[in-house]
């Protein structure tokens, strides 16, 4: 269910770094529970204050 939050550290395994940019890195991950794959962007804490949320 997309509406249920997951705990990334316990539910996902990082497979590889896909990309890196100004605000953070993108990782290919696998969900430990169902084996599904996804890309996850992790923001660098130093740059989070510069992001706008609407």
PDB file of N, CA and C in Angstrom:
ATOM      1  N   UNK A   1       0.848  -1.189   0.000  1.00  0.00           N
ATOM      2  CA  UNK A   1       0.000   0.000   0.000  1.00  0.00           C
ATOM      3  C   UNK A   1       0.887   1.243   0.000  1.00  0.00           C
ATOM      4  N   UNK A   2       0.684   2.119  -0.948  1.00  0.00           N
ATOM      5  CA  UNK A   2       1.518   3.314  -1.068  1.00  0.00           C
ATOM      6  C   UNK A   2       1.302   4.317   0.051  1.00  0.00           C
ATOM      7  N   UNK A   3       0.197   4.228   0.748  1.00  0.00           N
ATOM      8  CA  UNK A   3      -0.099   5.202   1.797  1.00  0.00           C
ATOM      9  C   UNK A   3       0.547   4.856   3.133  1.00  0.00           C
ATOM     10  N   UNK A   4       1.072   3.665   3.283  1.00  0.00           N
ATOM     11  CA  UNK A   4       1.696   3.267   4.532  1.00  0.00           C
ATOM     12  C   UNK A   4       3.186   3.572   4.481  1.00  0.00           C
ATOM     13  N   UNK A   5       3.671   4.384   5.435  1.00  0.00           N
ATOM     14  CA  UNK A   5       5.110   4.687   5.446  1.00  0.00           C
ATOM     15  C   UNK A   5       5.930   3.453   5.814  1.00  0.00           C
ATOM     16  N   UNK A   6       7.157   3.415   5.312  1.00  0.00           N
ATOM     17  CA  UNK A   6       8.064   2.327   5.657  1.00  0.00           C
ATOM     18  C   UNK A   6       9.271   2.904   6.379  1.00  0.00           C
ATOM     19  N   UNK A   7       9.939   2.075   7.119  1.00  0.00           N
ATOM     20  CA  UNK A   7      11.174   2.469   7.769  1.00  0.00           C
ATOM     21  C   UNK A   7      12.306   2.066   6.833  1.00  0.00           C
ATOM     22  N   UNK A   8      12.932   3.033   6.163  1.00  0.00           N
ATOM     23  CA  UNK A   8      13.927   2.688   5.145  1.00  0.00           C
ATOM     24  C   UNK A   8      15.077   1.822   5.647  1.00  0.00           C
ATOM     25  N   UNK A   9      15.514   2.042   6.869  1.00  0.00           N
ATOM     26  CA  UNK A   9      16.675   1.302   7.351  1.00  0.00           C
ATOM     27  C   UNK A   9      16.365  -0.165   7.625  1.00  0.00           C
ATOM     28  N   UNK A  10      15.117  -0.493   7.914  1.00  0.00           N
ATOM     29  CA  UNK A  10      14.803  -1.888   8.202  1.00  0.00           C
ATOM     30  C   UNK A  10      14.069  -2.586   7.059  1.00  0.00           C
ATOM     31  N   UNK A  11      13.476  -1.831   6.139  1.00  0.00           N
ATOM     32  CA  UNK A  11      12.677  -2.429   5.080  1.00  0.00           C
ATOM     33  C   UNK A  11      13.366  -2.466   3.718  1.00  0.00           C
ATOM     34  N   UNK A  12      14.456  -1.711   3.545  1.00  0.00           N
ATOM     35  CA  UNK A  12      15.096  -1.620   2.237  1.00  0.00           C
ATOM     36  C   UNK A  12      16.570  -1.987   2.306  1.00  0.00           C
ATOM     37  N   UNK A  13      17.041  -2.641   1.247  1.00  0.00           N
ATOM     38  CA  UNK A  13      18.472  -2.909   1.071  1.00  0.00           C
ATOM     39  C   UNK A  13      18.970  -2.040  -0.076  1.00  0.00           C
ATOM     40  N   UNK A  14      20.051  -1.300   0.147  1.00  0.00           N
ATOM     41  CA  UNK A  14      20.648  -0.505  -0.920  1.00  0.00           C
ATOM     42  C   UNK A  14      21.460  -1.434  -1.812  1.00  0.00           C
ATOM     43  N   UNK A  15      21.173  -1.407  -3.111  1.00  0.00           N
ATOM     44  CA  UNK A  15      21.861  -2.251  -4.078  1.00  0.00           C
ATOM     45  C   UNK A  15      23.062  -1.512  -4.658  1.00  0.00           C
ATOM     46  N   UNK A  16      22.827  -0.259  -5.078  1.00  0.00           N
ATOM     47  CA  UNK A  16      23.902   0.528  -5.674  1.00  0.00           C
ATOM     48  C   UNK A  16      23.522   2.000  -5.696  1.00  0.00           C
ATOM     49  N   UNK A  17      24.525   2.841  -5.866  1.00  0.00           N
ATOM     50  CA  UNK A  17      24.300   4.267  -6.072  1.00  0.00           C
ATOM     51  C   UNK A  17      24.024   4.477  -7.555  1.00  0.00           C
ATOM     52  N   UNK A  18      22.893   5.114  -7.854  1.00  0.00           N
ATOM     53  CA  UNK A  18      22.487   5.335  -9.236  1.00  0.00           C
ATOM     54  C   UNK A  18      22.967   6.698  -9.728  1.00  0.00           C
ATOM     55  N   UNK A  19      22.920   7.683  -8.833  1.00  0.00           N
ATOM     56  CA  UNK A  19      23.312   9.028  -9.235  1.00  0.00           C
ATOM     57  C   UNK A  19      23.640   9.900  -8.047  1.00  0.00           C
ATOM     58  N   UNK A  20      24.240  11.040  -8.352  1.00  0.00           N
ATOM     59  CA  UNK A  20      24.643  11.966  -7.301  1.00  0.00           C
ATOM     60  C   UNK A  20      24.451  13.370  -7.848  1.00  0.00           C
ATOM     61  N   UNK A  21      23.878  14.245  -7.025  1.00  0.00           N
ATOM     62  CA  UNK A  21      23.638  15.612  -7.473  1.00  0.00           C
ATOM     63  C   UNK A  21      23.889  16.624  -6.386  1.00  0.00           C
ATOM     64  N   UNK A  22      23.439  17.823  -6.622  1.00  0.00           N
ATOM     65  CA  UNK A  22      23.655  18.932  -5.694  1.00  0.00           C
ATOM     66  C   UNK A  22      23.030  18.673  -4.331  1.00  0.00           C
ATOM     67  N   UNK A  23      21.860  18.081  -4.319  1.00  0.00           N
ATOM     68  CA  UNK A  23      21.112  17.944  -3.068  1.00  0.00           C
ATOM     69  C   UNK A  23      21.188  16.566  -2.423  1.00  0.00           C
ATOM     70  N   UNK A  24      21.824  15.601  -3.058  1.00  0.00           N
ATOM     71  CA  UNK A  24      21.917  14.281  -2.449  1.00  0.00           C
ATOM     72  C   UNK A  24      22.258  13.200  -3.450  1.00  0.00           C
ATOM     73  N   UNK A  25      21.971  11.950  -3.062  1.00  0.00           N
ATOM     74  CA  UNK A  25      22.278  10.787  -3.893  1.00  0.00           C
ATOM     75  C   UNK A  25      21.003  10.005  -4.162  1.00  0.00           C
ATOM     76  N   UNK A  26      21.015   9.275  -5.281  1.00  0.00           N
ATOM     77  CA  UNK A  26      19.911   8.393  -5.640  1.00  0.00           C
ATOM     78  C   UNK A  26      20.430   6.960  -5.592  1.00  0.00           C
ATOM     79  N   UNK A  27      19.678   6.105  -4.905  1.00  0.00           N
ATOM     80  CA  UNK A  27      20.075   4.714  -4.725  1.00  0.00           C
ATOM     81  C   UNK A  27      19.037   3.780  -5.335  1.00  0.00           C
ATOM     82  N   UNK A  28      19.503   2.669  -5.902  1.00  0.00           N
ATOM     83  CA  UNK A  28      18.624   1.572  -6.281  1.00  0.00           C
ATOM     84  C   UNK A  28      18.462   0.724  -5.032  1.00  0.00           C
ATOM     85  N   UNK A  29      17.220   0.433  -4.652  1.00  0.00           N
ATOM     86  CA  UNK A  29      16.949  -0.329  -3.434  1.00  0.00           C
ATOM     87  C   UNK A  29      16.016  -1.492  -3.733  1.00  0.00           C
ATOM     88  N   UNK A  30      16.049  -2.473  -2.841  1.00  0.00           N
ATOM     89  CA  UNK A  30      15.128  -3.611  -2.910  1.00  0.00           C
ATOM     90  C   UNK A  30      14.381  -3.691  -1.578  1.00  0.00           C
ATOM     91  N   UNK A  31      13.066  -3.812  -1.684  1.00  0.00           N
ATOM     92  CA  UNK A  31      12.223  -3.972  -0.509  1.00  0.00           C
ATOM     93  C   UNK A  31      12.422  -5.388   0.029  1.00  0.00           C
ATOM     94  N   UNK A  32      12.847  -5.499   1.288  1.00  0.00           N
ATOM     95  CA  UNK A  32      13.124  -6.808   1.892  1.00  0.00           C
ATOM     96  C   UNK A  32      11.874  -7.672   2.022  1.00  0.00           C
ATOM     97  N   UNK A  33      10.711  -7.051   2.152  1.00  0.00           N
ATOM     98  CA  UNK A  33       9.484  -7.804   2.382  1.00  0.00           C
ATOM     99  C   UNK A  33       8.914  -8.440   1.117  1.00  0.00           C
ATOM    100  N   UNK A  34       8.965  -7.702  -0.009  1.00  0.00           N
ATOM    101  CA  UNK A  34       8.328  -8.242  -1.214  1.00  0.00           C
ATOM    102  C   UNK A  34       9.241  -8.317  -2.437  1.00  0.00           C
ATOM    103  N   UNK A  35      10.490  -7.877  -2.300  1.00  0.00           N
ATOM    104  CA  UNK A  35      11.441  -7.973  -3.393  1.00  0.00           C
ATOM    105  C   UNK A  35      11.302  -6.915  -4.473  1.00  0.00           C
ATOM    106  N   UNK A  36      10.368  -5.981  -4.289  1.00  0.00           N
ATOM    107  CA  UNK A  36      10.196  -4.944  -5.306  1.00  0.00           C
ATOM    108  C   UNK A  36      11.393  -4.009  -5.317  1.00  0.00           C
ATOM    109  N   UNK A  37      11.658  -3.409  -6.477  1.00  0.00           N
ATOM    110  CA  UNK A  37      12.784  -2.508  -6.634  1.00  0.00           C
ATOM    111  C   UNK A  37      12.280  -1.080  -6.794  1.00  0.00           C
ATOM    112  N   UNK A  38      13.104  -0.123  -6.364  1.00  0.00           N
ATOM    113  CA  UNK A  38      12.744   1.285  -6.483  1.00  0.00           C
ATOM    114  C   UNK A  38      14.015   2.118  -6.470  1.00  0.00           C
ATOM    115  N   UNK A  39      13.849   3.373  -6.799  1.00  0.00           N
ATOM    116  CA  UNK A  39      14.928   4.347  -6.658  1.00  0.00           C
ATOM    117  C   UNK A  39      14.552   5.279  -5.520  1.00  0.00           C
ATOM    118  N   UNK A  40      15.514   5.568  -4.650  1.00  0.00           N
ATOM    119  CA  UNK A  40      15.271   6.421  -3.496  1.00  0.00           C
ATOM    120  C   UNK A  40      16.288   7.547  -3.496  1.00  0.00           C
ATOM    121  N   UNK A  41      15.812   8.786  -3.386  1.00  0.00           N
ATOM    122  CA  UNK A  41      16.703   9.935  -3.292  1.00  0.00           C
ATOM    123  C   UNK A  41      16.856  10.303  -1.830  1.00  0.00           C
ATOM    124  N   UNK A  42      18.109  10.413  -1.391  1.00  0.00           N
ATOM    125  CA  UNK A  42      18.416  10.787  -0.012  1.00  0.00           C
ATOM    126  C   UNK A  42      19.063  12.164  -0.042  1.00  0.00           C
ATOM    127  N   UNK A  43      18.417  13.127   0.602  1.00  0.00           N
ATOM    128  CA  UNK A  43      18.919  14.495   0.610  1.00  0.00           C
ATOM    129  C   UNK A  43      20.047  14.653   1.625  1.00  0.00           C
ATOM    130  N   UNK A  44      21.066  15.404   1.244  1.00  0.00           N
ATOM    131  CA  UNK A  44      22.136  15.741   2.179  1.00  0.00           C
ATOM    132  C   UNK A  44      21.582  16.721   3.209  1.00  0.00           C
ATOM    133  N   UNK A  45      21.837  16.488   4.504  1.00  0.00           N
ATOM    134  CA  UNK A  45      21.305  17.374   5.550  1.00  0.00           C
ATOM    135  C   UNK A  45      21.708  18.836   5.361  1.00  0.00           C
ATOM    136  N   UNK A  46      22.870  19.099   4.853  1.00  0.00           N
ATOM    137  CA  UNK A  46      23.335  20.477   4.704  1.00  0.00           C
ATOM    138  C   UNK A  46      22.513  21.245   3.676  1.00  0.00           C
ATOM    139  N   UNK A  47      21.908  20.552   2.719  1.00  0.00           N
ATOM    140  CA  UNK A  47      21.141  21.201   1.660  1.00  0.00           C
ATOM    141  C   UNK A  47      19.637  21.183   1.880  1.00  0.00           C
ATOM    142  N   UNK A  48      19.156  20.448   2.874  1.00  0.00           N
ATOM    143  CA  UNK A  48      17.722  20.311   3.089  1.00  0.00           C
ATOM    144  C   UNK A  48      17.074  21.663   3.371  1.00  0.00           C
ATOM    145  N   UNK A  49      17.755  22.544   4.073  1.00  0.00           N
ATOM    146  CA  UNK A  49      17.201  23.854   4.391  1.00  0.00           C
ATOM    147  C   UNK A  49      16.958  24.717   3.175  1.00  0.00           C
ATOM    148  N   UNK A  50      17.540  24.379   2.039  1.00  0.00           N
ATOM    149  CA  UNK A  50      17.380  25.159   0.823  1.00  0.00           C
ATOM    150  C   UNK A  50      16.204  24.667  -0.024  1.00  0.00           C
ATOM    151  N   UNK A  51      15.567  23.576   0.366  1.00  0.00           N
ATOM    152  CA  UNK A  51      14.471  23.015  -0.414  1.00  0.00           C
ATOM    153  C   UNK A  51      13.155  23.669  -0.005  1.00  0.00           C
ATOM    154  N   UNK A  52      12.280  23.816  -0.964  1.00  0.00           N
ATOM    155  CA  UNK A  52      10.963  24.395  -0.709  1.00  0.00           C
ATOM    156  C   UNK A  52       9.928  23.284  -0.703  1.00  0.00           C
ATOM    157  N   UNK A  53       9.020  23.335   0.245  1.00  0.00           N
ATOM    158  CA  UNK A  53       7.924  22.363   0.299  1.00  0.00           C
ATOM    159  C   UNK A  53       6.603  23.117   0.169  1.00  0.00           C
ATOM    160  N   UNK A  54       5.737  22.646  -0.712  1.00  0.00           N
ATOM    161  CA  UNK A  54       4.435  23.279  -0.920  1.00  0.00           C
ATOM    162  C   UNK A  54       3.330  22.327  -0.582  1.00  0.00           C
TER     163      UNK A  54
END
